[in-house]
């Protein structure tokens, strides 16, 4: 089951199920958001799919019309955006380790010693998928922002004036709601563009945190249920009417160096990540980066992430924004 959130032509919020082979959306009656649906499912002690199966549906809506009119929303959001924590990990796919190594090699030259990136990747290969019930090695982790940094599918991704670059990072995103008793509940998975500044990151490993403080996009569809073990997709950068670059990637647990359970363990072990009512979007690592193939995205380029298992492609165009103006004042 795939869920989407959208606006009606008169601006009312709705949540619905994608039907008819992806052509239509069936709005669910009684709930306006995925957040409300998930909270109700926890309260009733049923799965999200089971709750949706019991709900009446309004007349189907044309999916293309929702997309073309800019009424699609991220598949999950919080009524208080500051309570939606956006984080992630990296070096969970073979391609990501190679790409990270290439980034730093281009900036600093080839080094005889194994890079920190490759060390962490190999740690994952050796101990990132422990036996059921066991705890594996700790993955990389980063903070990206809160709910205000998530832009809808089809919406622009902002390149700040202080950024050295803007590049796509196509990743599976785990979406979670913390229940009233502090239990993390996995709502489902979506595709995401963990838009980052790879040039800043390549200057020094310690700049990785700065490079991640950018916008991102998730969706358009939320896959409710288990993540397929093997996921295939494509990333494209379109410049005008032309495809500047295209690359294929593999994801899903069979193509990762960490199990989903291991990533979740190390994220939710912290008390601050289990506050009742909070949401979490957890980016699970990119298998492919265009910048590692010599591509430099420009303002006006459109990033397209096309993964059939997740429904419609995720598209966003990069736009330039001026430097923020602010003064720090003494109280």
C-alpha atoms as a PDB file:
ATOM      1  CA  UNK A   1       0.000   0.000   0.000  1.00  0.00           C
ATOM      2  CA  UNK A   2       1.227   3.460  -0.951  1.00  0.00           C
ATOM      3  CA  UNK A   3      -0.008   6.609   0.800  1.00  0.00           C
ATOM      4  CA  UNK A   4       0.240  10.196  -0.423  1.00  0.00           C
ATOM      5  CA  UNK A   5      -0.664  13.535   1.110  1.00  0.00           C
ATOM      6  CA  UNK A   6      -2.029  16.320  -1.056  1.00  0.00           C
ATOM      7  CA  UNK A   7      -4.147  19.463  -1.174  1.00  0.00           C
ATOM      8  CA  UNK A   8      -7.551  19.715  -2.793  1.00  0.00           C
ATOM      9  CA  UNK A   9      -8.085  22.559  -5.298  1.00  0.00           C
ATOM     10  CA  UNK A  10      -9.595  24.636  -2.457  1.00  0.00           C
ATOM     11  CA  UNK A  11      -6.589  24.019  -0.185  1.00  0.00           C
ATOM     12  CA  UNK A  12      -7.927  21.265   2.088  1.00  0.00           C
ATOM     13  CA  UNK A  13      -5.462  18.618   3.246  1.00  0.00           C
ATOM     14  CA  UNK A  14      -6.153  14.968   2.370  1.00  0.00           C
ATOM     15  CA  UNK A  15      -4.370  11.651   2.670  1.00  0.00           C
ATOM     16  CA  UNK A  16      -5.117   8.855   0.251  1.00  0.00           C
ATOM     17  CA  UNK A  17      -4.137   5.484  -1.173  1.00  0.00           C
ATOM     18  CA  UNK A  18      -2.592   5.227  -4.637  1.00  0.00           C
ATOM     19  CA  UNK A  19      -4.778   3.017  -6.842  1.00  0.00           C
ATOM     20  CA  UNK A  20      -5.441   1.997 -10.446  1.00  0.00           C
ATOM     21  CA  UNK A  21      -1.821   1.184 -11.169  1.00  0.00           C
ATOM     22  CA  UNK A  22      -0.681   4.585  -9.965  1.00  0.00           C
ATOM     23  CA  UNK A  23      -3.209   6.630 -11.942  1.00  0.00           C
ATOM     24  CA  UNK A  24      -5.510   7.752  -9.123  1.00  0.00           C
ATOM     25  CA  UNK A  25      -5.576   8.589  -5.423  1.00  0.00           C
ATOM     26  CA  UNK A  26      -8.437   7.393  -3.209  1.00  0.00           C
ATOM     27  CA  UNK A  27      -8.842   9.951  -0.369  1.00  0.00           C
ATOM     28  CA  UNK A  28      -9.514   8.340   3.005  1.00  0.00           C
ATOM     29  CA  UNK A  29     -12.487   9.594   5.003  1.00  0.00           C
ATOM     30  CA  UNK A  30     -12.005  10.677   8.610  1.00  0.00           C
ATOM     31  CA  UNK A  31      -8.305  11.541   8.573  1.00  0.00           C
ATOM     32  CA  UNK A  32      -6.567  14.467   6.877  1.00  0.00           C
ATOM     33  CA  UNK A  33      -2.917  13.498   7.446  1.00  0.00           C
ATOM     34  CA  UNK A  34      -0.641  10.479   7.640  1.00  0.00           C
ATOM     35  CA  UNK A  35       0.360  11.593  11.134  1.00  0.00           C
ATOM     36  CA  UNK A  36      -3.253  11.403  12.330  1.00  0.00           C
ATOM     37  CA  UNK A  37      -3.671   7.991  10.706  1.00  0.00           C
ATOM     38  CA  UNK A  38      -0.537   6.621  12.362  1.00  0.00           C
ATOM     39  CA  UNK A  39      -1.469   7.992  15.780  1.00  0.00           C
ATOM     40  CA  UNK A  40      -4.917   6.411  15.457  1.00  0.00           C
ATOM     41  CA  UNK A  41      -3.444   3.049  14.459  1.00  0.00           C
ATOM     42  CA  UNK A  42      -1.183   3.051  17.527  1.00  0.00           C
ATOM     43  CA  UNK A  43      -4.115   4.002  19.734  1.00  0.00           C
ATOM     44  CA  UNK A  44      -6.313   1.233  18.307  1.00  0.00           C
ATOM     45  CA  UNK A  45      -3.543  -1.371  18.476  1.00  0.00           C
ATOM     46  CA  UNK A  46      -3.753  -2.199  14.752  1.00  0.00           C
ATOM     47  CA  UNK A  47      -1.402  -1.857  11.811  1.00  0.00           C
ATOM     48  CA  UNK A  48      -1.617   1.172   9.550  1.00  0.00           C
ATOM     49  CA  UNK A  49      -2.675  -1.047   6.650  1.00  0.00           C
ATOM     50  CA  UNK A  50      -5.421  -2.660   8.713  1.00  0.00           C
ATOM     51  CA  UNK A  51      -6.784   0.718   9.788  1.00  0.00           C
ATOM     52  CA  UNK A  52      -6.817   2.046   6.221  1.00  0.00           C
ATOM     53  CA  UNK A  53      -8.669  -1.067   5.039  1.00  0.00           C
ATOM     54  CA  UNK A  54     -11.567  -0.216   7.351  1.00  0.00           C
ATOM     55  CA  UNK A  55     -11.967   3.398   6.239  1.00  0.00           C
ATOM     56  CA  UNK A  56     -14.428   4.621   3.586  1.00  0.00           C
ATOM     57  CA  UNK A  57     -12.993   6.469   0.606  1.00  0.00           C
ATOM     58  CA  UNK A  58     -14.098   9.500  -1.340  1.00  0.00           C
ATOM     59  CA  UNK A  59     -14.170   9.653  -5.125  1.00  0.00           C
ATOM     60  CA  UNK A  60     -10.821   8.967  -6.782  1.00  0.00           C
ATOM     61  CA  UNK A  61      -8.606  11.921  -7.683  1.00  0.00           C
ATOM     62  CA  UNK A  62      -6.421  12.096 -10.791  1.00  0.00           C
ATOM     63  CA  UNK A  63      -2.788  11.705  -9.642  1.00  0.00           C
ATOM     64  CA  UNK A  64      -1.326  13.565 -12.630  1.00  0.00           C
ATOM     65  CA  UNK A  65      -3.555  16.554 -11.915  1.00  0.00           C
ATOM     66  CA  UNK A  66      -2.349  16.715  -8.312  1.00  0.00           C
ATOM     67  CA  UNK A  67       1.296  16.610  -9.406  1.00  0.00           C
ATOM     68  CA  UNK A  68       1.000  19.080 -12.279  1.00  0.00           C
ATOM     69  CA  UNK A  69      -0.842  21.637 -10.140  1.00  0.00           C
ATOM     70  CA  UNK A  70       1.764  21.535  -7.358  1.00  0.00           C
ATOM     71  CA  UNK A  71      -0.671  20.158  -4.773  1.00  0.00           C
ATOM     72  CA  UNK A  72       1.394  17.143  -3.748  1.00  0.00           C
ATOM     73  CA  UNK A  73       2.851  17.225  -0.218  1.00  0.00           C
ATOM     74  CA  UNK A  74       5.551  15.177   1.482  1.00  0.00           C
ATOM     75  CA  UNK A  75       3.997  11.835   2.486  1.00  0.00           C
ATOM     76  CA  UNK A  76       4.517  12.593   6.192  1.00  0.00           C
ATOM     77  CA  UNK A  77       4.742  15.789   8.223  1.00  0.00           C
ATOM     78  CA  UNK A  78       4.155  17.008  11.763  1.00  0.00           C
ATOM     79  CA  UNK A  79       1.718  19.702  12.928  1.00  0.00           C
ATOM     80  CA  UNK A  80       4.718  21.133  14.815  1.00  0.00           C
ATOM     81  CA  UNK A  81       7.591  20.897  12.276  1.00  0.00           C
ATOM     82  CA  UNK A  82      10.251  21.331  14.971  1.00  0.00           C
ATOM     83  CA  UNK A  83       9.177  17.922  16.297  1.00  0.00           C
ATOM     84  CA  UNK A  84      10.111  16.186  13.034  1.00  0.00           C
ATOM     85  CA  UNK A  85      13.789  15.217  13.281  1.00  0.00           C
ATOM     86  CA  UNK A  86      15.584  14.685   9.953  1.00  0.00           C
ATOM     87  CA  UNK A  87      18.783  12.651  10.215  1.00  0.00           C
ATOM     88  CA  UNK A  88      20.660   9.977   8.338  1.00  0.00           C
ATOM     89  CA  UNK A  89      23.620   7.716   7.837  1.00  0.00           C
ATOM     90  CA  UNK A  90      26.105   7.054   5.062  1.00  0.00           C
ATOM     91  CA  UNK A  91      28.604   4.480   3.869  1.00  0.00           C
ATOM     92  CA  UNK A  92      25.920   1.816   3.971  1.00  0.00           C
ATOM     93  CA  UNK A  93      26.255   0.882   0.273  1.00  0.00           C
ATOM     94  CA  UNK A  94      29.341  -0.106  -1.721  1.00  0.00           C
ATOM     95  CA  UNK A  95      28.745   2.761  -4.138  1.00  0.00           C
ATOM     96  CA  UNK A  96      28.648   5.297  -1.316  1.00  0.00           C
ATOM     97  CA  UNK A  97      32.039   4.213  -0.007  1.00  0.00           C
ATOM     98  CA  UNK A  98      33.579   4.422  -3.477  1.00  0.00           C
ATOM     99  CA  UNK A  99      31.982   7.815  -4.124  1.00  0.00           C
ATOM    100  CA  UNK A 100      33.146   9.244  -0.781  1.00  0.00           C
ATOM    101  CA  UNK A 101      36.686   8.011  -1.438  1.00  0.00           C
ATOM    102  CA  UNK A 102      36.666   9.573  -4.915  1.00  0.00           C
ATOM    103  CA  UNK A 103      35.455  12.912  -3.509  1.00  0.00           C
ATOM    104  CA  UNK A 104      38.336  13.119  -1.065  1.00  0.00           C
ATOM    105  CA  UNK A 105      40.890  11.760  -3.535  1.00  0.00           C
ATOM    106  CA  UNK A 106      39.960  14.474  -6.045  1.00  0.00           C
ATOM    107  CA  UNK A 107      40.336  17.160  -3.366  1.00  0.00           C
ATOM    108  CA  UNK A 108      43.425  15.889  -1.545  1.00  0.00           C
ATOM    109  CA  UNK A 109      45.068  13.340  -3.874  1.00  0.00           C
ATOM    110  CA  UNK A 110      45.433   9.595  -3.513  1.00  0.00           C
ATOM    111  CA  UNK A 111      46.574   8.470  -0.074  1.00  0.00           C
ATOM    112  CA  UNK A 112      48.388   5.283   0.824  1.00  0.00           C
ATOM    113  CA  UNK A 113      46.425   4.745   4.015  1.00  0.00           C
ATOM    114  CA  UNK A 114      42.835   3.570   3.990  1.00  0.00           C
ATOM    115  CA  UNK A 115      40.477   6.539   4.370  1.00  0.00           C
ATOM    116  CA  UNK A 116      38.178   6.900   7.370  1.00  0.00           C
ATOM    117  CA  UNK A 117      35.226   6.456   4.998  1.00  0.00           C
ATOM    118  CA  UNK A 118      36.472   3.104   3.777  1.00  0.00           C
ATOM    119  CA  UNK A 119      37.294   2.034   7.327  1.00  0.00           C
ATOM    120  CA  UNK A 120      33.715   2.690   8.468  1.00  0.00           C
ATOM    121  CA  UNK A 121      32.336   0.971   5.382  1.00  0.00           C
ATOM    122  CA  UNK A 122      34.436  -2.146   6.011  1.00  0.00           C
ATOM    123  CA  UNK A 123      33.351  -2.171   9.645  1.00  0.00           C
ATOM    124  CA  UNK A 124      29.782  -2.348   8.362  1.00  0.00           C
ATOM    125  CA  UNK A 125      30.600  -5.169   5.961  1.00  0.00           C
ATOM    126  CA  UNK A 126      32.168  -7.144   8.809  1.00  0.00           C
ATOM    127  CA  UNK A 127      29.644  -6.448  11.582  1.00  0.00           C
ATOM    128  CA  UNK A 128      26.724  -4.388  10.281  1.00  0.00           C
ATOM    129  CA  UNK A 129      24.310  -7.288   9.921  1.00  0.00           C
ATOM    130  CA  UNK A 130      24.364  -9.171  13.213  1.00  0.00           C
ATOM    131  CA  UNK A 131      22.251 -12.228  13.922  1.00  0.00           C
ATOM    132  CA  UNK A 132      18.678 -11.554  14.987  1.00  0.00           C
ATOM    133  CA  UNK A 133      18.636 -10.074  18.482  1.00  0.00           C
ATOM    134  CA  UNK A 134      22.328  -9.179  18.454  1.00  0.00           C
ATOM    135  CA  UNK A 135      23.851  -5.715  18.128  1.00  0.00           C
ATOM    136  CA  UNK A 136      26.236  -4.920  15.302  1.00  0.00           C
ATOM    137  CA  UNK A 137      28.769  -2.170  14.683  1.00  0.00           C
ATOM    138  CA  UNK A 138      27.773   1.495  14.995  1.00  0.00           C
ATOM    139  CA  UNK A 139      27.097   3.285  11.677  1.00  0.00           C
ATOM    140  CA  UNK A 140      27.895   6.838  10.648  1.00  0.00           C
ATOM    141  CA  UNK A 141      25.181   9.349  11.685  1.00  0.00           C
ATOM    142  CA  UNK A 142      24.374  12.965  10.850  1.00  0.00           C
ATOM    143  CA  UNK A 143      21.786  15.607  11.687  1.00  0.00           C
ATOM    144  CA  UNK A 144      20.149  17.334   8.709  1.00  0.00           C
ATOM    145  CA  UNK A 145      17.443  19.477  10.244  1.00  0.00           C
ATOM    146  CA  UNK A 146      13.816  19.454  11.315  1.00  0.00           C
ATOM    147  CA  UNK A 147      10.554  19.321   9.389  1.00  0.00           C
ATOM    148  CA  UNK A 148      10.990  22.803   7.932  1.00  0.00           C
ATOM    149  CA  UNK A 149      13.905  21.548   5.796  1.00  0.00           C
ATOM    150  CA  UNK A 150      11.688  19.072   3.894  1.00  0.00           C
ATOM    151  CA  UNK A 151      10.255  20.418   0.638  1.00  0.00           C
ATOM    152  CA  UNK A 152       7.456  18.672  -1.279  1.00  0.00           C
ATOM    153  CA  UNK A 153       8.034  16.637  -4.431  1.00  0.00           C
ATOM    154  CA  UNK A 154       8.045  18.844  -7.542  1.00  0.00           C
ATOM    155  CA  UNK A 155       9.036  21.861  -5.379  1.00  0.00           C
ATOM    156  CA  UNK A 156      12.379  23.688  -5.717  1.00  0.00           C
ATOM    157  CA  UNK A 157      15.432  22.778  -3.647  1.00  0.00           C
ATOM    158  CA  UNK A 158      17.262  25.893  -2.504  1.00  0.00           C
ATOM    159  CA  UNK A 159      20.992  26.336  -3.079  1.00  0.00           C
ATOM    160  CA  UNK A 160      22.155  28.860  -0.461  1.00  0.00           C
ATOM    161  CA  UNK A 161      24.498  31.635  -1.559  1.00  0.00           C
ATOM    162  CA  UNK A 162      27.143  30.371   0.889  1.00  0.00           C
ATOM    163  CA  UNK A 163      27.078  26.814  -0.531  1.00  0.00           C
ATOM    164  CA  UNK A 164      29.980  25.584  -2.629  1.00  0.00           C
ATOM    165  CA  UNK A 165      27.775  23.097  -4.482  1.00  0.00           C
ATOM    166  CA  UNK A 166      24.429  21.332  -4.470  1.00  0.00           C
ATOM    167  CA  UNK A 167      24.161  17.684  -5.351  1.00  0.00           C
ATOM    168  CA  UNK A 168      21.553  14.955  -5.224  1.00  0.00           C
ATOM    169  CA  UNK A 169      21.752  11.956  -2.889  1.00  0.00           C
ATOM    170  CA  UNK A 170      19.105   9.359  -3.731  1.00  0.00           C
ATOM    171  CA  UNK A 171      18.277   7.417  -0.574  1.00  0.00           C
ATOM    172  CA  UNK A 172      15.623   5.270   1.022  1.00  0.00           C
ATOM    173  CA  UNK A 173      14.128   7.076   4.007  1.00  0.00           C
ATOM    174  CA  UNK A 174      12.683   5.325   7.038  1.00  0.00           C
ATOM    175  CA  UNK A 175       9.726   7.236   8.526  1.00  0.00           C
ATOM    176  CA  UNK A 176       8.898   6.775  12.206  1.00  0.00           C
ATOM    177  CA  UNK A 177       6.451   7.960  14.865  1.00  0.00           C
ATOM    178  CA  UNK A 178       7.227   7.758  18.572  1.00  0.00           C
ATOM    179  CA  UNK A 179       4.235   6.342  20.431  1.00  0.00           C
ATOM    180  CA  UNK A 180       2.782   7.675  23.703  1.00  0.00           C
ATOM    181  CA  UNK A 181       4.940   5.296  25.745  1.00  0.00           C
ATOM    182  CA  UNK A 182       8.177   6.167  23.889  1.00  0.00           C
ATOM    183  CA  UNK A 183       8.104   3.188  21.517  1.00  0.00           C
ATOM    184  CA  UNK A 184       9.397   3.950  17.991  1.00  0.00           C
ATOM    185  CA  UNK A 185       6.902   2.801  15.346  1.00  0.00           C
ATOM    186  CA  UNK A 186       8.023   2.445  11.737  1.00  0.00           C
ATOM    187  CA  UNK A 187       5.300   3.950   9.566  1.00  0.00           C
ATOM    188  CA  UNK A 188       6.977   2.942   6.313  1.00  0.00           C
ATOM    189  CA  UNK A 189       9.587   3.939   3.763  1.00  0.00           C
ATOM    190  CA  UNK A 190       9.868   6.557   1.020  1.00  0.00           C
ATOM    191  CA  UNK A 191      12.408   7.705  -1.524  1.00  0.00           C
ATOM    192  CA  UNK A 192      14.304  10.849  -0.686  1.00  0.00           C
ATOM    193  CA  UNK A 193      16.776  13.326  -2.140  1.00  0.00           C
ATOM    194  CA  UNK A 194      19.181  14.069   0.703  1.00  0.00           C
ATOM    195  CA  UNK A 195      20.406  17.157  -1.139  1.00  0.00           C
ATOM    196  CA  UNK A 196      23.910  18.038   0.142  1.00  0.00           C
ATOM    197  CA  UNK A 197      27.015  20.133  -0.499  1.00  0.00           C
ATOM    198  CA  UNK A 198      29.581  17.510  -1.459  1.00  0.00           C
ATOM    199  CA  UNK A 199      32.279  20.091  -2.261  1.00  0.00           C
ATOM    200  CA  UNK A 200      32.204  21.443   1.287  1.00  0.00           C
ATOM    201  CA  UNK A 201      32.234  17.884   2.616  1.00  0.00           C
ATOM    202  CA  UNK A 202      35.266  16.992   0.494  1.00  0.00           C
ATOM    203  CA  UNK A 203      37.350  19.822   1.954  1.00  0.00           C
ATOM    204  CA  UNK A 204      37.588  18.037   5.288  1.00  0.00           C
ATOM    205  CA  UNK A 205      35.721  15.189   6.995  1.00  0.00           C
ATOM    206  CA  UNK A 206      34.907  17.550   9.845  1.00  0.00           C
ATOM    207  CA  UNK A 207      32.879  19.714   7.451  1.00  0.00           C
ATOM    208  CA  UNK A 208      30.421  16.885   6.776  1.00  0.00           C
ATOM    209  CA  UNK A 209      28.044  18.269   9.422  1.00  0.00           C
ATOM    210  CA  UNK A 210      27.965  21.659   7.651  1.00  0.00           C
ATOM    211  CA  UNK A 211      27.421  20.070   4.243  1.00  0.00           C
ATOM    212  CA  UNK A 212      24.266  18.304   5.432  1.00  0.00           C
ATOM    213  CA  UNK A 213      22.442  21.390   6.759  1.00  0.00           C
ATOM    214  CA  UNK A 214      20.440  21.854   3.585  1.00  0.00           C
ATOM    215  CA  UNK A 215      16.918  21.220   2.366  1.00  0.00           C
ATOM    216  CA  UNK A 216      15.808  17.777   1.232  1.00  0.00           C
ATOM    217  CA  UNK A 217      12.768  16.210  -0.395  1.00  0.00           C
ATOM    218  CA  UNK A 218      10.842  13.015   0.378  1.00  0.00           C
ATOM    219  CA  UNK A 219       8.163  11.148  -1.529  1.00  0.00           C
ATOM    220  CA  UNK A 220       5.874  11.467  -3.247  1.00  0.00           C
ATOM    221  CA  UNK A 221       4.670   8.095  -1.948  1.00  0.00           C
ATOM    222  CA  UNK A 222       5.024   6.330   1.392  1.00  0.00           C
ATOM    223  CA  UNK A 223       5.429   2.567   1.144  1.00  0.00           C
ATOM    224  CA  UNK A 224       3.578   1.004   4.083  1.00  0.00           C
ATOM    225  CA  UNK A 225       5.002  -2.347   5.123  1.00  0.00           C
ATOM    226  CA  UNK A 226       8.352  -4.059   4.744  1.00  0.00           C
ATOM    227  CA  UNK A 227      11.124  -2.646   2.602  1.00  0.00           C
ATOM    228  CA  UNK A 228      11.912  -4.907  -0.372  1.00  0.00           C
ATOM    229  CA  UNK A 229      15.207  -6.701   0.138  1.00  0.00           C
ATOM    230  CA  UNK A 230      16.349  -5.656  -3.347  1.00  0.00           C
ATOM    231  CA  UNK A 231      15.528  -2.222  -4.781  1.00  0.00           C
ATOM    232  CA  UNK A 232      16.554  -0.931  -8.208  1.00  0.00           C
ATOM    233  CA  UNK A 233      16.353   2.667  -9.325  1.00  0.00           C
ATOM    234  CA  UNK A 234      17.766   5.416 -11.475  1.00  0.00           C
ATOM    235  CA  UNK A 235      18.962   8.953 -10.826  1.00  0.00           C
ATOM    236  CA  UNK A 236      18.785  11.559 -13.580  1.00  0.00           C
ATOM    237  CA  UNK A 237      19.867  15.159 -13.841  1.00  0.00           C
ATOM    238  CA  UNK A 238      17.930  17.055 -16.479  1.00  0.00           C
ATOM    239  CA  UNK A 239      19.164  20.360 -17.847  1.00  0.00           C
ATOM    240  CA  UNK A 240      16.415  21.929 -19.886  1.00  0.00           C
ATOM    241  CA  UNK A 241      15.058  19.323 -22.281  1.00  0.00           C
ATOM    242  CA  UNK A 242      18.220  17.198 -22.135  1.00  0.00           C
ATOM    243  CA  UNK A 243      19.297  14.456 -19.723  1.00  0.00           C
ATOM    244  CA  UNK A 244      22.708  15.633 -18.535  1.00  0.00           C
ATOM    245  CA  UNK A 245      23.468  12.428 -16.641  1.00  0.00           C
ATOM    246  CA  UNK A 246      21.824   9.182 -15.605  1.00  0.00           C
ATOM    247  CA  UNK A 247      22.969   6.451 -13.269  1.00  0.00           C
ATOM    248  CA  UNK A 248      21.490   3.191 -11.999  1.00  0.00           C
ATOM    249  CA  UNK A 249      21.674   2.146  -8.357  1.00  0.00           C
ATOM    250  CA  UNK A 250      20.788  -0.746  -6.079  1.00  0.00           C
ATOM    251  CA  UNK A 251      19.487  -0.494  -2.532  1.00  0.00           C
ATOM    252  CA  UNK A 252      17.498  -2.569  -0.078  1.00  0.00           C
ATOM    253  CA  UNK A 253      19.073  -4.603   2.683  1.00  0.00           C
ATOM    254  CA  UNK A 254      20.681  -7.174   0.375  1.00  0.00           C
ATOM    255  CA  UNK A 255      22.728  -4.352  -1.157  1.00  0.00           C
ATOM    256  CA  UNK A 256      23.635  -2.695   2.144  1.00  0.00           C
ATOM    257  CA  UNK A 257      26.406  -3.249   4.675  1.00  0.00           C
ATOM    258  CA  UNK A 258      24.042  -2.676   7.623  1.00  0.00           C
ATOM    259  CA  UNK A 259      20.697  -4.223   8.421  1.00  0.00           C
ATOM    260  CA  UNK A 260      17.741  -1.883   8.876  1.00  0.00           C
ATOM    261  CA  UNK A 261      17.395  -3.167  12.441  1.00  0.00           C
ATOM    262  CA  UNK A 262      21.003  -2.266  13.215  1.00  0.00           C
ATOM    263  CA  UNK A 263      20.581   1.265  11.874  1.00  0.00           C
ATOM    264  CA  UNK A 264      17.383   1.672  13.883  1.00  0.00           C
ATOM    265  CA  UNK A 265      19.017   0.385  17.070  1.00  0.00           C
ATOM    266  CA  UNK A 266      21.767   2.981  16.992  1.00  0.00           C
ATOM    267  CA  UNK A 267      19.383   5.814  16.188  1.00  0.00           C
ATOM    268  CA  UNK A 268      16.677   5.123  18.727  1.00  0.00           C
ATOM    269  CA  UNK A 269      18.921   4.112  21.641  1.00  0.00           C
ATOM    270  CA  UNK A 270      19.182   7.807  22.550  1.00  0.00           C
ATOM    271  CA  UNK A 271      16.449   9.048  24.888  1.00  0.00           C
ATOM    272  CA  UNK A 272      16.081  12.297  22.946  1.00  0.00           C
ATOM    273  CA  UNK A 273      15.086  10.248  19.885  1.00  0.00           C
ATOM    274  CA  UNK A 274      12.187   8.595  21.709  1.00  0.00           C
ATOM    275  CA  UNK A 275      10.065  11.579  22.743  1.00  0.00           C
ATOM    276  CA  UNK A 276       6.357  10.687  22.514  1.00  0.00           C
ATOM    277  CA  UNK A 277       4.640  12.256  19.517  1.00  0.00           C
ATOM    278  CA  UNK A 278       7.813  13.096  17.581  1.00  0.00           C
ATOM    279  CA  UNK A 279       8.428  12.057  13.981  1.00  0.00           C
ATOM    280  CA  UNK A 280      11.729  10.917  12.476  1.00  0.00           C
ATOM    281  CA  UNK A 281      12.923  10.794   8.869  1.00  0.00           C
ATOM    282  CA  UNK A 282      16.079   8.672   8.678  1.00  0.00           C
ATOM    283  CA  UNK A 283      18.032   8.713   5.391  1.00  0.00           C
ATOM    284  CA  UNK A 284      19.670   5.306   4.969  1.00  0.00           C
ATOM    285  CA  UNK A 285      22.548   6.138   2.671  1.00  0.00           C
ATOM    286  CA  UNK A 286      23.155   6.803  -1.009  1.00  0.00           C
ATOM    287  CA  UNK A 287      24.509   4.141  -3.345  1.00  0.00           C
ATOM    288  CA  UNK A 288      25.327   6.596  -6.149  1.00  0.00           C
ATOM    289  CA  UNK A 289      26.497  10.221  -6.436  1.00  0.00           C
ATOM    290  CA  UNK A 290      26.648  12.137  -9.708  1.00  0.00           C
ATOM    291  CA  UNK A 291      29.528  14.255  -8.383  1.00  0.00           C
ATOM    292  CA  UNK A 292      31.683  11.117  -8.192  1.00  0.00           C
ATOM    293  CA  UNK A 293      31.188  10.827 -11.968  1.00  0.00           C
ATOM    294  CA  UNK A 294      32.442  14.335 -12.701  1.00  0.00           C
ATOM    295  CA  UNK A 295      29.012  15.989 -12.800  1.00  0.00           C
ATOM    296  CA  UNK A 296      28.492  19.473 -11.353  1.00  0.00           C
ATOM    297  CA  UNK A 297      24.827  20.356 -10.993  1.00  0.00           C
ATOM    298  CA  UNK A 298      23.803  23.911 -11.856  1.00  0.00           C
ATOM    299  CA  UNK A 299      20.965  26.167 -10.816  1.00  0.00           C
ATOM    300  CA  UNK A 300      17.958  25.194 -12.937  1.00  0.00           C
ATOM    301  CA  UNK A 301      18.873  21.512 -13.140  1.00  0.00           C
ATOM    302  CA  UNK A 302      16.133  19.035 -12.222  1.00  0.00           C
ATOM    303  CA  UNK A 303      16.970  16.007 -10.072  1.00  0.00           C
ATOM    304  CA  UNK A 304      14.826  12.956 -10.786  1.00  0.00           C
ATOM    305  CA  UNK A 305      14.894   9.799  -8.638  1.00  0.00           C
ATOM    306  CA  UNK A 306      12.928   7.000 -10.268  1.00  0.00           C
ATOM    307  CA  UNK A 307      12.394   3.814  -8.236  1.00  0.00           C
ATOM    308  CA  UNK A 308       9.430   1.703  -9.418  1.00  0.00           C
ATOM    309  CA  UNK A 309       9.029   0.022  -6.007  1.00  0.00           C
ATOM    310  CA  UNK A 310       8.175   3.442  -4.546  1.00  0.00           C
ATOM    311  CA  UNK A 311       5.750   4.593  -7.221  1.00  0.00           C
ATOM    312  CA  UNK A 312       6.030   7.940  -8.984  1.00  0.00           C
ATOM    313  CA  UNK A 313       9.477   9.543  -9.394  1.00  0.00           C
ATOM    314  CA  UNK A 314      10.697  12.218  -7.001  1.00  0.00           C
ATOM    315  CA  UNK A 315      11.552  15.421  -8.887  1.00  0.00           C
ATOM    316  CA  UNK A 316      12.986  18.719  -7.665  1.00  0.00           C
ATOM    317  CA  UNK A 317      14.695  21.618  -9.429  1.00  0.00           C
ATOM    318  CA  UNK A 318      17.632  23.449  -7.842  1.00  0.00           C
ATOM    319  CA  UNK A 319      17.198  27.199  -7.427  1.00  0.00           C
ATOM    320  CA  UNK A 320      19.549  29.851  -6.066  1.00  0.00           C
ATOM    321  CA  UNK A 321      18.625  31.899  -3.008  1.00  0.00           C
ATOM    322  CA  UNK A 322      20.435  34.955  -1.599  1.00  0.00           C
ATOM    323  CA  UNK A 323      22.494  34.872   1.539  1.00  0.00           C
ATOM    324  CA  UNK A 324      20.386  35.340   4.674  1.00  0.00           C
ATOM    325  CA  UNK A 325      20.577  38.713   6.374  1.00  0.00           C
ATOM    326  CA  UNK A 326      20.714  38.640  10.142  1.00  0.00           C
ATOM    327  CA  UNK A 327      22.435  40.254  13.104  1.00  0.00           C
ATOM    328  CA  UNK A 328      23.262  38.637  16.419  1.00  0.00           C
ATOM    329  CA  UNK A 329      22.234  41.081  19.135  1.00  0.00           C
ATOM    330  CA  UNK A 330      23.080  41.235  22.801  1.00  0.00           C
ATOM    331  CA  UNK A 331      20.189  40.986  25.265  1.00  0.00           C
END
